[in-house]
PDB file of N, CA and C in Angstrom:
ATOM      1  N   UNK A   1     -50.114   4.354 -29.649  1.00  0.00           N
ATOM      2  CA  UNK A   1     -49.732   5.746 -29.594  1.00  0.00           C
ATOM      3  C   UNK A   1     -48.915   6.061 -28.320  1.00  0.00           C
ATOM      4  N   UNK A   2     -49.321   5.472 -27.190  1.00  0.00           N
ATOM      5  CA  UNK A   2     -48.608   5.752 -25.940  1.00  0.00           C
ATOM      6  C   UNK A   2     -47.167   5.246 -25.995  1.00  0.00           C
ATOM      7  N   UNK A   3     -46.916   4.160 -26.721  1.00  0.00           N
ATOM      8  CA  UNK A   3     -45.561   3.641 -26.871  1.00  0.00           C
ATOM      9  C   UNK A   3     -44.676   4.653 -27.589  1.00  0.00           C
ATOM     10  N   UNK A   4     -45.202   5.273 -28.640  1.00  0.00           N
ATOM     11  CA  UNK A   4     -44.449   6.279 -29.392  1.00  0.00           C
ATOM     12  C   UNK A   4     -44.205   7.521 -28.549  1.00  0.00           C
ATOM     13  N   UNK A   5     -45.204   7.958 -27.819  1.00  0.00           N
ATOM     14  CA  UNK A   5     -45.053   9.131 -26.947  1.00  0.00           C
ATOM     15  C   UNK A   5     -44.005   8.854 -25.874  1.00  0.00           C
ATOM     16  N   UNK A   6     -44.051   7.673 -25.284  1.00  0.00           N
ATOM     17  CA  UNK A   6     -43.075   7.306 -24.255  1.00  0.00           C
ATOM     18  C   UNK A   6     -41.658   7.308 -24.831  1.00  0.00           C
ATOM     19  N   UNK A   7     -41.496   6.727 -26.005  1.00  0.00           N
ATOM     20  CA  UNK A   7     -40.182   6.685 -26.639  1.00  0.00           C
ATOM     21  C   UNK A   7     -39.665   8.094 -26.911  1.00  0.00           C
ATOM     22  N   UNK A   8     -40.512   8.957 -27.485  1.00  0.00           N
ATOM     23  CA  UNK A   8     -40.084  10.326 -27.796  1.00  0.00           C
ATOM     24  C   UNK A   8     -39.750  11.107 -26.532  1.00  0.00           C
ATOM     25  N   UNK A   9     -40.536  10.924 -25.488  1.00  0.00           N
ATOM     26  CA  UNK A   9     -40.250  11.598 -24.216  1.00  0.00           C
ATOM     27  C   UNK A   9     -38.910  11.156 -23.647  1.00  0.00           C
ATOM     28  N   UNK A  10     -38.600   9.871 -23.765  1.00  0.00           N
ATOM     29  CA  UNK A  10     -37.318   9.383 -23.269  1.00  0.00           C
ATOM     30  C   UNK A  10     -36.177   9.840 -24.169  1.00  0.00           C
ATOM     31  N   UNK A  11     -36.430   9.881 -25.469  1.00  0.00           N
ATOM     32  CA  UNK A  11     -35.381  10.298 -26.402  1.00  0.00           C
ATOM     33  C   UNK A  11     -35.039  11.779 -26.223  1.00  0.00           C
ATOM     34  N   UNK A  12     -36.062  12.622 -26.063  1.00  0.00           N
ATOM     35  CA  UNK A  12     -35.824  14.049 -25.811  1.00  0.00           C
ATOM     36  C   UNK A  12     -35.766  14.245 -24.307  1.00  0.00           C
ATOM     37  N   UNK A  13     -34.686  13.775 -23.732  1.00  0.00           N
ATOM     38  CA  UNK A  13     -34.474  13.704 -22.285  1.00  0.00           C
ATOM     39  C   UNK A  13     -34.791  15.021 -21.588  1.00  0.00           C
ATOM     40  N   UNK A  14     -35.466  14.901 -20.449  1.00  0.00           N
ATOM     41  CA  UNK A  14     -35.650  16.041 -19.558  1.00  0.00           C
ATOM     42  C   UNK A  14     -35.407  15.546 -18.134  1.00  0.00           C
ATOM     43  N   UNK A  15     -35.043  16.436 -17.231  1.00  0.00           N
ATOM     44  CA  UNK A  15     -34.806  16.014 -15.846  1.00  0.00           C
ATOM     45  C   UNK A  15     -36.028  15.407 -15.160  1.00  0.00           C
ATOM     46  N   UNK A  16     -37.222  15.647 -15.689  1.00  0.00           N
ATOM     47  CA  UNK A  16     -38.444  15.064 -15.121  1.00  0.00           C
ATOM     48  C   UNK A  16     -38.724  13.717 -15.778  1.00  0.00           C
ATOM     49  N   UNK A  17     -37.721  12.907 -15.931  1.00  0.00           N
ATOM     50  CA  UNK A  17     -37.780  11.649 -16.666  1.00  0.00           C
ATOM     51  C   UNK A  17     -38.833  10.686 -16.130  1.00  0.00           C
ATOM     52  N   UNK A  18     -39.052  10.681 -14.825  1.00  0.00           N
ATOM     53  CA  UNK A  18     -40.004   9.726 -14.250  1.00  0.00           C
ATOM     54  C   UNK A  18     -41.431   9.941 -14.746  1.00  0.00           C
ATOM     55  N   UNK A  19     -41.716  11.099 -15.346  1.00  0.00           N
ATOM     56  CA  UNK A  19     -43.045  11.404 -15.873  1.00  0.00           C
ATOM     57  C   UNK A  19     -43.138  11.170 -17.381  1.00  0.00           C
ATOM     58  N   UNK A  20     -42.156  10.482 -17.955  1.00  0.00           N
ATOM     59  CA  UNK A  20     -42.070  10.324 -19.404  1.00  0.00           C
ATOM     60  C   UNK A  20     -43.113   9.402 -20.008  1.00  0.00           C
ATOM     61  N   UNK A  21     -43.535   8.394 -19.290  1.00  0.00           N
ATOM     62  CA  UNK A  21     -44.461   7.412 -19.846  1.00  0.00           C
ATOM     63  C   UNK A  21     -45.906   7.828 -19.587  1.00  0.00           C
ATOM     64  N   UNK A  22     -46.711   7.979 -20.639  1.00  0.00           N
ATOM     65  CA  UNK A  22     -48.107   8.386 -20.445  1.00  0.00           C
ATOM     66  C   UNK A  22     -48.965   7.307 -19.780  1.00  0.00           C
ATOM     67  N   UNK A  23     -48.511   6.051 -19.773  1.00  0.00           N
ATOM     68  CA  UNK A  23     -49.272   4.990 -19.119  1.00  0.00           C
ATOM     69  C   UNK A  23     -48.729   4.657 -17.729  1.00  0.00           C
ATOM     70  N   UNK A  24     -47.781   5.461 -17.232  1.00  0.00           N
ATOM     71  CA  UNK A  24     -47.273   5.303 -15.869  1.00  0.00           C
ATOM     72  C   UNK A  24     -46.171   4.284 -15.698  1.00  0.00           C
ATOM     73  N   UNK A  25     -45.490   3.920 -16.772  1.00  0.00           N
ATOM     74  CA  UNK A  25     -44.384   2.970 -16.674  1.00  0.00           C
ATOM     75  C   UNK A  25     -43.235   3.534 -15.858  1.00  0.00           C
ATOM     76  N   UNK A  26     -42.482   2.633 -15.241  1.00  0.00           N
ATOM     77  CA  UNK A  26     -41.314   3.026 -14.445  1.00  0.00           C
ATOM     78  C   UNK A  26     -40.123   3.222 -15.378  1.00  0.00           C
ATOM     79  N   UNK A  27     -39.488   4.373 -15.304  1.00  0.00           N
ATOM     80  CA  UNK A  27     -38.376   4.731 -16.177  1.00  0.00           C
ATOM     81  C   UNK A  27     -37.063   4.493 -15.442  1.00  0.00           C
ATOM     82  N   UNK A  28     -36.101   3.884 -16.139  1.00  0.00           N
ATOM     83  CA  UNK A  28     -34.773   3.692 -15.548  1.00  0.00           C
ATOM     84  C   UNK A  28     -33.709   3.922 -16.611  1.00  0.00           C
ATOM     85  N   UNK A  29     -32.561   4.379 -16.161  1.00  0.00           N
ATOM     86  CA  UNK A  29     -31.416   4.590 -17.037  1.00  0.00           C
ATOM     87  C   UNK A  29     -30.397   3.500 -16.769  1.00  0.00           C
ATOM     88  N   UNK A  30     -29.951   2.827 -17.821  1.00  0.00           N
ATOM     89  CA  UNK A  30     -28.908   1.825 -17.674  1.00  0.00           C
ATOM     90  C   UNK A  30     -27.597   2.550 -17.394  1.00  0.00           C
ATOM     91  N   UNK A  31     -26.954   2.188 -16.309  1.00  0.00           N
ATOM     92  CA  UNK A  31     -25.752   2.894 -15.871  1.00  0.00           C
ATOM     93  C   UNK A  31     -24.598   2.783 -16.860  1.00  0.00           C
ATOM     94  N   UNK A  32     -24.419   1.632 -17.460  1.00  0.00           N
ATOM     95  CA  UNK A  32     -23.281   1.441 -18.348  1.00  0.00           C
ATOM     96  C   UNK A  32     -23.522   1.959 -19.763  1.00  0.00           C
ATOM     97  N   UNK A  33     -24.651   1.613 -20.350  1.00  0.00           N
ATOM     98  CA  UNK A  33     -24.902   2.007 -21.740  1.00  0.00           C
ATOM     99  C   UNK A  33     -25.486   3.402 -21.867  1.00  0.00           C
ATOM    100  N   UNK A  34     -26.186   3.869 -20.839  1.00  0.00           N
ATOM    101  CA  UNK A  34     -26.843   5.162 -20.906  1.00  0.00           C
ATOM    102  C   UNK A  34     -28.208   5.107 -21.556  1.00  0.00           C
ATOM    103  N   UNK A  35     -28.656   3.923 -21.990  1.00  0.00           N
ATOM    104  CA  UNK A  35     -29.980   3.788 -22.590  1.00  0.00           C
ATOM    105  C   UNK A  35     -31.055   3.986 -21.537  1.00  0.00           C
ATOM    106  N   UNK A  36     -32.195   4.514 -21.972  1.00  0.00           N
ATOM    107  CA  UNK A  36     -33.298   4.762 -21.051  1.00  0.00           C
ATOM    108  C   UNK A  36     -34.425   3.790 -21.387  1.00  0.00           C
ATOM    109  N   UNK A  37     -34.849   3.037 -20.377  1.00  0.00           N
ATOM    110  CA  UNK A  37     -35.871   2.012 -20.538  1.00  0.00           C
ATOM    111  C   UNK A  37     -37.147   2.386 -19.795  1.00  0.00           C
ATOM    112  N   UNK A  38     -38.255   1.809 -20.256  1.00  0.00           N
ATOM    113  CA  UNK A  38     -39.545   1.959 -19.593  1.00  0.00           C
ATOM    114  C   UNK A  38     -40.071   0.560 -19.286  1.00  0.00           C
ATOM    115  N   UNK A  39     -40.627   0.364 -18.094  1.00  0.00           N
ATOM    116  CA  UNK A  39     -41.141  -0.950 -17.718  1.00  0.00           C
ATOM    117  C   UNK A  39     -42.341  -1.354 -18.578  1.00  0.00           C
ATOM    118  N   UNK A  40     -43.109  -0.383 -19.056  1.00  0.00           N
ATOM    119  CA  UNK A  40     -44.278  -0.670 -19.894  1.00  0.00           C
ATOM    120  C   UNK A  40     -43.889  -0.898 -21.357  1.00  0.00           C
ATOM    121  N   UNK A  41     -42.821  -0.252 -21.801  1.00  0.00           N
ATOM    122  CA  UNK A  41     -42.413  -0.285 -23.207  1.00  0.00           C
ATOM    123  C   UNK A  41     -40.946  -0.695 -23.312  1.00  0.00           C
ATOM    124  N   UNK A  42     -40.574  -1.773 -22.635  1.00  0.00           N
ATOM    125  CA  UNK A  42     -39.165  -2.150 -22.528  1.00  0.00           C
ATOM    126  C   UNK A  42     -38.567  -2.706 -23.814  1.00  0.00           C
ATOM    127  N   UNK A  43     -39.377  -2.969 -24.820  1.00  0.00           N
ATOM    128  CA  UNK A  43     -38.825  -3.454 -26.077  1.00  0.00           C
ATOM    129  C   UNK A  43     -38.195  -2.339 -26.909  1.00  0.00           C
ATOM    130  N   UNK A  44     -38.395  -1.101 -26.495  1.00  0.00           N
ATOM    131  CA  UNK A  44     -37.851   0.033 -27.240  1.00  0.00           C
ATOM    132  C   UNK A  44     -37.047   0.937 -26.304  1.00  0.00           C
ATOM    133  N   UNK A  45     -35.752   0.657 -26.096  1.00  0.00           N
ATOM    134  CA  UNK A  45     -34.948   1.584 -25.291  1.00  0.00           C
ATOM    135  C   UNK A  45     -34.652   2.848 -26.103  1.00  0.00           C
ATOM    136  N   UNK A  46     -34.393   3.920 -25.417  1.00  0.00           N
ATOM    137  CA  UNK A  46     -34.115   5.196 -26.086  1.00  0.00           C
ATOM    138  C   UNK A  46     -32.700   5.656 -25.779  1.00  0.00           C
ATOM    139  N   UNK A  47     -32.072   6.215 -26.796  1.00  0.00           N
ATOM    140  CA  UNK A  47     -30.797   6.894 -26.621  1.00  0.00           C
ATOM    141  C   UNK A  47     -31.150   8.376 -26.484  1.00  0.00           C
ATOM    142  N   UNK A  48     -30.842   8.985 -25.348  1.00  0.00           N
ATOM    143  CA  UNK A  48     -31.292  10.356 -25.135  1.00  0.00           C
ATOM    144  C   UNK A  48     -30.518  11.384 -25.955  1.00  0.00           C
ATOM    145  N   UNK A  49     -31.245  12.388 -26.392  1.00  0.00           N
ATOM    146  CA  UNK A  49     -30.629  13.564 -27.012  1.00  0.00           C
ATOM    147  C   UNK A  49     -30.572  14.632 -25.930  1.00  0.00           C
ATOM    148  N   UNK A  50     -29.394  15.050 -25.573  1.00  0.00           N
ATOM    149  CA  UNK A  50     -29.210  16.034 -24.516  1.00  0.00           C
ATOM    150  C   UNK A  50     -29.196  17.414 -25.164  1.00  0.00           C
ATOM    151  N   UNK A  51     -30.154  18.250 -24.785  1.00  0.00           N
ATOM    152  CA  UNK A  51     -30.339  19.528 -25.462  1.00  0.00           C
ATOM    153  C   UNK A  51     -29.796  20.736 -24.705  1.00  0.00           C
ATOM    154  N   UNK A  52     -29.548  20.610 -23.419  1.00  0.00           N
ATOM    155  CA  UNK A  52     -29.015  21.752 -22.670  1.00  0.00           C
ATOM    156  C   UNK A  52     -28.181  21.273 -21.483  1.00  0.00           C
ATOM    157  N   UNK A  53     -27.497  22.209 -20.840  1.00  0.00           N
ATOM    158  CA  UNK A  53     -26.592  21.852 -19.743  1.00  0.00           C
ATOM    159  C   UNK A  53     -27.331  21.305 -18.529  1.00  0.00           C
ATOM    160  N   UNK A  54     -28.552  21.772 -18.291  1.00  0.00           N
ATOM    161  CA  UNK A  54     -29.348  21.274 -17.171  1.00  0.00           C
ATOM    162  C   UNK A  54     -29.668  19.790 -17.376  1.00  0.00           C
ATOM    163  N   UNK A  55     -30.120  19.439 -18.567  1.00  0.00           N
ATOM    164  CA  UNK A  55     -30.428  18.041 -18.876  1.00  0.00           C
ATOM    165  C   UNK A  55     -29.161  17.190 -18.854  1.00  0.00           C
ATOM    166  N   UNK A  56     -28.067  17.726 -19.347  1.00  0.00           N
ATOM    167  CA  UNK A  56     -26.791  17.001 -19.356  1.00  0.00           C
ATOM    168  C   UNK A  56     -26.359  16.664 -17.934  1.00  0.00           C
ATOM    169  N   UNK A  57     -26.427  17.616 -17.049  1.00  0.00           N
ATOM    170  CA  UNK A  57     -26.031  17.401 -15.658  1.00  0.00           C
ATOM    171  C   UNK A  57     -26.944  16.365 -15.004  1.00  0.00           C
ATOM    172  N   UNK A  58     -28.247  16.494 -15.207  1.00  0.00           N
ATOM    173  CA  UNK A  58     -29.201  15.562 -14.631  1.00  0.00           C
ATOM    174  C   UNK A  58     -28.963  14.147 -15.134  1.00  0.00           C
ATOM    175  N   UNK A  59     -28.755  14.007 -16.434  1.00  0.00           N
ATOM    176  CA  UNK A  59     -28.514  12.696 -17.038  1.00  0.00           C
ATOM    177  C   UNK A  59     -27.236  12.066 -16.487  1.00  0.00           C
ATOM    178  N   UNK A  60     -26.163  12.829 -16.390  1.00  0.00           N
ATOM    179  CA  UNK A  60     -24.897  12.305 -15.870  1.00  0.00           C
ATOM    180  C   UNK A  60     -25.012  11.899 -14.402  1.00  0.00           C
ATOM    181  N   UNK A  61     -25.712  12.705 -13.614  1.00  0.00           N
ATOM    182  CA  UNK A  61     -25.898  12.371 -12.198  1.00  0.00           C
ATOM    183  C   UNK A  61     -26.746  11.107 -12.046  1.00  0.00           C
ATOM    184  N   UNK A  62     -27.774  10.993 -12.882  1.00  0.00           N
ATOM    185  CA  UNK A  62     -28.639   9.817 -12.837  1.00  0.00           C
ATOM    186  C   UNK A  62     -27.855   8.559 -13.192  1.00  0.00           C
ATOM    187  N   UNK A  63     -27.050   8.610 -14.246  1.00  0.00           N
ATOM    188  CA  UNK A  63     -26.228   7.456 -14.637  1.00  0.00           C
ATOM    189  C   UNK A  63     -25.240   7.080 -13.540  1.00  0.00           C
ATOM    190  N   UNK A  64     -24.593   8.081 -12.968  1.00  0.00           N
ATOM    191  CA  UNK A  64     -23.609   7.812 -11.923  1.00  0.00           C
ATOM    192  C   UNK A  64     -24.267   7.187 -10.700  1.00  0.00           C
ATOM    193  N   UNK A  65     -25.425   7.687 -10.306  1.00  0.00           N
ATOM    194  CA  UNK A  65     -26.110   7.142  -9.138  1.00  0.00           C
ATOM    195  C   UNK A  65     -26.540   5.696  -9.390  1.00  0.00           C
ATOM    196  N   UNK A  66     -27.034   5.399 -10.578  1.00  0.00           N
ATOM    197  CA  UNK A  66     -27.415   4.022 -10.924  1.00  0.00           C
ATOM    198  C   UNK A  66     -26.187   3.102 -10.902  1.00  0.00           C
ATOM    199  N   UNK A  67     -25.077   3.591 -11.422  1.00  0.00           N
ATOM    200  CA  UNK A  67     -23.845   2.809 -11.414  1.00  0.00           C
ATOM    201  C   UNK A  67     -23.404   2.551  -9.976  1.00  0.00           C
ATOM    202  N   UNK A  68     -23.512   3.558  -9.140  1.00  0.00           N
ATOM    203  CA  UNK A  68     -23.146   3.416  -7.733  1.00  0.00           C
ATOM    204  C   UNK A  68     -24.025   2.371  -7.049  1.00  0.00           C
ATOM    205  N   UNK A  69     -25.317   2.391  -7.321  1.00  0.00           N
ATOM    206  CA  UNK A  69     -26.225   1.409  -6.727  1.00  0.00           C
ATOM    207  C   UNK A  69     -25.886  -0.008  -7.172  1.00  0.00           C
ATOM    208  N   UNK A  70     -25.433  -0.155  -8.396  1.00  0.00           N
ATOM    209  CA  UNK A  70     -25.114  -1.477  -8.934  1.00  0.00           C
ATOM    210  C   UNK A  70     -23.798  -2.038  -8.408  1.00  0.00           C
ATOM    211  N   UNK A  71     -22.886  -1.172  -7.958  1.00  0.00           N
ATOM    212  CA  UNK A  71     -21.540  -1.636  -7.616  1.00  0.00           C
ATOM    213  C   UNK A  71     -21.098  -1.250  -6.217  1.00  0.00           C
ATOM    214  N   UNK A  72     -22.008  -1.095  -5.308  1.00  0.00           N
ATOM    215  CA  UNK A  72     -21.614  -0.735  -3.943  1.00  0.00           C
ATOM    216  C   UNK A  72     -20.685  -1.775  -3.367  1.00  0.00           C
ATOM    217  N   UNK A  73     -19.606  -1.291  -2.805  1.00  0.00           N
ATOM    218  CA  UNK A  73     -18.653  -2.181  -2.141  1.00  0.00           C
ATOM    219  C   UNK A  73     -18.656  -1.866  -0.657  1.00  0.00           C
ATOM    220  N   UNK A  74     -18.223  -2.807   0.125  1.00  0.00           N
ATOM    221  CA  UNK A  74     -18.165  -2.574   1.563  1.00  0.00           C
ATOM    222  C   UNK A  74     -16.734  -2.703   2.047  1.00  0.00           C
ATOM    223  N   UNK A  75     -16.446  -1.996   3.112  1.00  0.00           N
ATOM    224  CA  UNK A  75     -15.117  -2.094   3.697  1.00  0.00           C
ATOM    225  C   UNK A  75     -15.129  -3.199   4.755  1.00  0.00           C
ATOM    226  N   UNK A  76     -14.045  -3.355   5.499  1.00  0.00           N
ATOM    227  CA  UNK A  76     -13.896  -4.453   6.460  1.00  0.00           C
ATOM    228  C   UNK A  76     -14.965  -4.430   7.553  1.00  0.00           C
ATOM    229  N   UNK A  77     -15.477  -3.258   7.907  1.00  0.00           N
ATOM    230  CA  UNK A  77     -16.487  -3.177   8.965  1.00  0.00           C
ATOM    231  C   UNK A  77     -17.895  -3.445   8.439  1.00  0.00           C
ATOM    232  N   UNK A  78     -18.038  -3.641   7.133  1.00  0.00           N
ATOM    233  CA  UNK A  78     -19.346  -3.949   6.562  1.00  0.00           C
ATOM    234  C   UNK A  78     -20.163  -2.738   6.175  1.00  0.00           C
ATOM    235  N   UNK A  79     -19.595  -1.550   6.295  1.00  0.00           N
ATOM    236  CA  UNK A  79     -20.325  -0.347   5.896  1.00  0.00           C
ATOM    237  C   UNK A  79     -19.982  -0.001   4.446  1.00  0.00           C
ATOM    238  N   UNK A  80     -20.912   0.612   3.738  1.00  0.00           N
ATOM    239  CA  UNK A  80     -20.629   0.946   2.344  1.00  0.00           C
ATOM    240  C   UNK A  80     -19.430   1.874   2.219  1.00  0.00           C
ATOM    241  N   UNK A  81     -18.616   1.610   1.227  1.00  0.00           N
ATOM    242  CA  UNK A  81     -17.428   2.420   0.960  1.00  0.00           C
ATOM    243  C   UNK A  81     -17.773   3.351  -0.201  1.00  0.00           C
ATOM    244  N   UNK A  82     -17.985   4.632   0.110  1.00  0.00           N
ATOM    245  CA  UNK A  82     -18.407   5.585  -0.901  1.00  0.00           C
ATOM    246  C   UNK A  82     -17.457   6.768  -0.881  1.00  0.00           C
ATOM    247  N   UNK A  83     -16.951   7.121  -2.043  1.00  0.00           N
ATOM    248  CA  UNK A  83     -16.098   8.296  -2.164  1.00  0.00           C
ATOM    249  C   UNK A  83     -16.939   9.514  -2.513  1.00  0.00           C
ATOM    250  N   UNK A  84     -16.281  10.588  -2.857  1.00  0.00           N
ATOM    251  CA  UNK A  84     -17.006  11.781  -3.279  1.00  0.00           C
ATOM    252  C   UNK A  84     -17.613  11.536  -4.655  1.00  0.00           C
ATOM    253  N   UNK A  85     -18.661  12.255  -5.020  1.00  0.00           N
ATOM    254  CA  UNK A  85     -19.246  12.084  -6.355  1.00  0.00           C
ATOM    255  C   UNK A  85     -18.237  12.323  -7.478  1.00  0.00           C
ATOM    256  N   UNK A  86     -17.306  13.252  -7.275  1.00  0.00           N
ATOM    257  CA  UNK A  86     -16.295  13.517  -8.299  1.00  0.00           C
ATOM    258  C   UNK A  86     -15.356  12.319  -8.482  1.00  0.00           C
ATOM    259  N   UNK A  87     -14.962  11.695  -7.367  1.00  0.00           N
ATOM    260  CA  UNK A  87     -14.124  10.491  -7.444  1.00  0.00           C
ATOM    261  C   UNK A  87     -14.872   9.368  -8.143  1.00  0.00           C
ATOM    262  N   UNK A  88     -16.152   9.216  -7.811  1.00  0.00           N
ATOM    263  CA  UNK A  88     -16.970   8.175  -8.432  1.00  0.00           C
ATOM    264  C   UNK A  88     -17.133   8.425  -9.929  1.00  0.00           C
ATOM    265  N   UNK A  89     -17.322   9.682 -10.306  1.00  0.00           N
ATOM    266  CA  UNK A  89     -17.475  10.017 -11.730  1.00  0.00           C
ATOM    267  C   UNK A  89     -16.209   9.659 -12.501  1.00  0.00           C
ATOM    268  N   UNK A  90     -15.058   9.952 -11.930  1.00  0.00           N
ATOM    269  CA  UNK A  90     -13.793   9.576 -12.575  1.00  0.00           C
ATOM    270  C   UNK A  90     -13.671   8.063 -12.684  1.00  0.00           C
ATOM    271  N   UNK A  91     -14.010   7.373 -11.614  1.00  0.00           N
ATOM    272  CA  UNK A  91     -13.904   5.911 -11.588  1.00  0.00           C
ATOM    273  C   UNK A  91     -14.782   5.263 -12.654  1.00  0.00           C
ATOM    274  N   UNK A  92     -16.012   5.774 -12.820  1.00  0.00           N
ATOM    275  CA  UNK A  92     -16.957   5.178 -13.753  1.00  0.00           C
ATOM    276  C   UNK A  92     -17.002   5.891 -15.101  1.00  0.00           C
ATOM    277  N   UNK A  93     -16.096   6.858 -15.295  1.00  0.00           N
ATOM    278  CA  UNK A  93     -15.985   7.574 -16.568  1.00  0.00           C
ATOM    279  C   UNK A  93     -17.296   8.267 -16.966  1.00  0.00           C
ATOM    280  N   UNK A  94     -17.885   8.972 -16.005  1.00  0.00           N
ATOM    281  CA  UNK A  94     -19.095   9.755 -16.239  1.00  0.00           C
ATOM    282  C   UNK A  94     -18.700  11.222 -16.171  1.00  0.00           C
ATOM    283  N   UNK A  95     -19.065  12.022 -17.181  1.00  0.00           N
ATOM    284  CA  UNK A  95     -18.683  13.447 -17.168  1.00  0.00           C
ATOM    285  C   UNK A  95     -19.287  14.202 -15.990  1.00  0.00           C
ATOM    286  N   UNK A  96     -18.560  15.205 -15.515  1.00  0.00           N
ATOM    287  CA  UNK A  96     -19.030  16.077 -14.435  1.00  0.00           C
ATOM    288  C   UNK A  96     -20.101  17.039 -14.945  1.00  0.00           C
ATOM    289  N   UNK A  97     -20.568  17.881 -14.050  1.00  0.00           N
ATOM    290  CA  UNK A  97     -21.486  18.955 -14.401  1.00  0.00           C
ATOM    291  C   UNK A  97     -20.839  19.812 -15.497  1.00  0.00           C
ATOM    292  N   UNK A  98     -21.585  20.137 -16.575  1.00  0.00           N
ATOM    293  CA  UNK A  98     -20.995  20.919 -17.662  1.00  0.00           C
ATOM    294  C   UNK A  98     -20.717  22.379 -17.301  1.00  0.00           C
ATOM    295  N   UNK A  99     -21.276  22.836 -16.183  1.00  0.00           N
ATOM    296  CA  UNK A  99     -20.952  24.182 -15.699  1.00  0.00           C
ATOM    297  C   UNK A  99     -20.068  24.010 -14.468  1.00  0.00           C
ATOM    298  N   UNK A 100     -20.132  24.904 -13.537  1.00  0.00           N
ATOM    299  CA  UNK A 100     -19.249  24.816 -12.369  1.00  0.00           C
ATOM    300  C   UNK A 100     -19.936  24.232 -11.143  1.00  0.00           C
ATOM    301  N   UNK A 101     -20.994  23.452 -11.338  1.00  0.00           N
ATOM    302  CA  UNK A 101     -21.733  22.874 -10.218  1.00  0.00           C
ATOM    303  C   UNK A 101     -20.915  21.874  -9.421  1.00  0.00           C
ATOM    304  N   UNK A 102     -21.244  21.776  -8.148  1.00  0.00           N
ATOM    305  CA  UNK A 102     -20.613  20.824  -7.247  1.00  0.00           C
ATOM    306  C   UNK A 102     -21.646  19.754  -6.895  1.00  0.00           C
ATOM    307  N   UNK A 103     -21.247  18.503  -6.980  1.00  0.00           N
ATOM    308  CA  UNK A 103     -22.166  17.408  -6.701  1.00  0.00           C
ATOM    309  C   UNK A 103     -22.035  16.936  -5.267  1.00  0.00           C
ATOM    310  N   UNK A 104     -23.176  16.588  -4.674  1.00  0.00           N
ATOM    311  CA  UNK A 104     -23.215  15.976  -3.349  1.00  0.00           C
ATOM    312  C   UNK A 104     -24.072  14.722  -3.439  1.00  0.00           C
ATOM    313  N   UNK A 105     -23.733  13.741  -2.627  1.00  0.00           N
ATOM    314  CA  UNK A 105     -24.397  12.446  -2.661  1.00  0.00           C
ATOM    315  C   UNK A 105     -25.231  12.263  -1.407  1.00  0.00           C
ATOM    316  N   UNK A 106     -26.470  11.802  -1.567  1.00  0.00           N
ATOM    317  CA  UNK A 106     -27.278  11.377  -0.436  1.00  0.00           C
ATOM    318  C   UNK A 106     -27.969  10.073  -0.806  1.00  0.00           C
ATOM    319  N   UNK A 107     -28.823   9.558   0.084  1.00  0.00           N
ATOM    320  CA  UNK A 107     -29.430   8.252  -0.163  1.00  0.00           C
ATOM    321  C   UNK A 107     -30.421   8.246  -1.328  1.00  0.00           C
ATOM    322  N   UNK A 108     -30.904   9.418  -1.736  1.00  0.00           N
ATOM    323  CA  UNK A 108     -31.890   9.496  -2.824  1.00  0.00           C
ATOM    324  C   UNK A 108     -31.270   9.790  -4.177  1.00  0.00           C
ATOM    325  N   UNK A 109     -30.038  10.234  -4.209  1.00  0.00           N
ATOM    326  CA  UNK A 109     -29.411  10.541  -5.485  1.00  0.00           C
ATOM    327  C   UNK A 109     -28.236  11.493  -5.338  1.00  0.00           C
ATOM    328  N   UNK A 110     -27.808  12.004  -6.465  1.00  0.00           N
ATOM    329  CA  UNK A 110     -26.709  12.965  -6.510  1.00  0.00           C
ATOM    330  C   UNK A 110     -27.305  14.320  -6.856  1.00  0.00           C
ATOM    331  N   UNK A 111     -27.003  15.311  -6.058  1.00  0.00           N
ATOM    332  CA  UNK A 111     -27.533  16.661  -6.232  1.00  0.00           C
ATOM    333  C   UNK A 111     -26.446  17.570  -6.789  1.00  0.00           C
ATOM    334  N   UNK A 112     -26.864  18.606  -7.512  1.00  0.00           N
ATOM    335  CA  UNK A 112     -25.926  19.571  -8.080  1.00  0.00           C
ATOM    336  C   UNK A 112     -26.242  20.951  -7.511  1.00  0.00           C
ATOM    337  N   UNK A 113     -25.205  21.681  -7.171  1.00  0.00           N
ATOM    338  CA  UNK A 113     -25.385  23.031  -6.608  1.00  0.00           C
ATOM    339  C   UNK A 113     -25.871  24.027  -7.654  1.00  0.00           C
ATOM    340  N   UNK A 114     -25.675  23.742  -8.934  1.00  0.00           N
ATOM    341  CA  UNK A 114     -26.040  24.676 -10.012  1.00  0.00           C
ATOM    342  C   UNK A 114     -27.397  24.366 -10.641  1.00  0.00           C
ATOM    343  N   UNK A 115     -27.813  23.125 -10.602  1.00  0.00           N
ATOM    344  CA  UNK A 115     -28.998  22.728 -11.357  1.00  0.00           C
ATOM    345  C   UNK A 115     -30.093  22.178 -10.464  1.00  0.00           C
ATOM    346  N   UNK A 116     -31.325  22.394 -10.868  1.00  0.00           N
ATOM    347  CA  UNK A 116     -32.482  21.906 -10.132  1.00  0.00           C
ATOM    348  C   UNK A 116     -32.357  20.397  -9.959  1.00  0.00           C
ATOM    349  N   UNK A 117     -32.710  19.916  -8.789  1.00  0.00           N
ATOM    350  CA  UNK A 117     -32.544  18.490  -8.512  1.00  0.00           C
ATOM    351  C   UNK A 117     -33.859  17.755  -8.505  1.00  0.00           C
TER     352      UNK A 117
END
């Protein structure tokens, strides 16, 4: 039963994604495919259904941040080379905030000025 609940929670995406698994599995979003996996139920990835602009923004920011973590490049001095979140979204073909929110990047993730983070 917990496997089905976890799958449905991941499929009906919400910004509180880390609380999706009733058995405490670690939830992650694949940056390239957009599939959502659970460490406890990894045999069943979920394709999220985005139901509102808040969830859409959260999902896009989460995908972009995961993609950024996977592909960090360094410049000649050895420090990470990071552009603005908007430049990164264009580079990785991830849609922006569906409203007029502005994204900012920090070490924990990408934040939106319009939507709860």
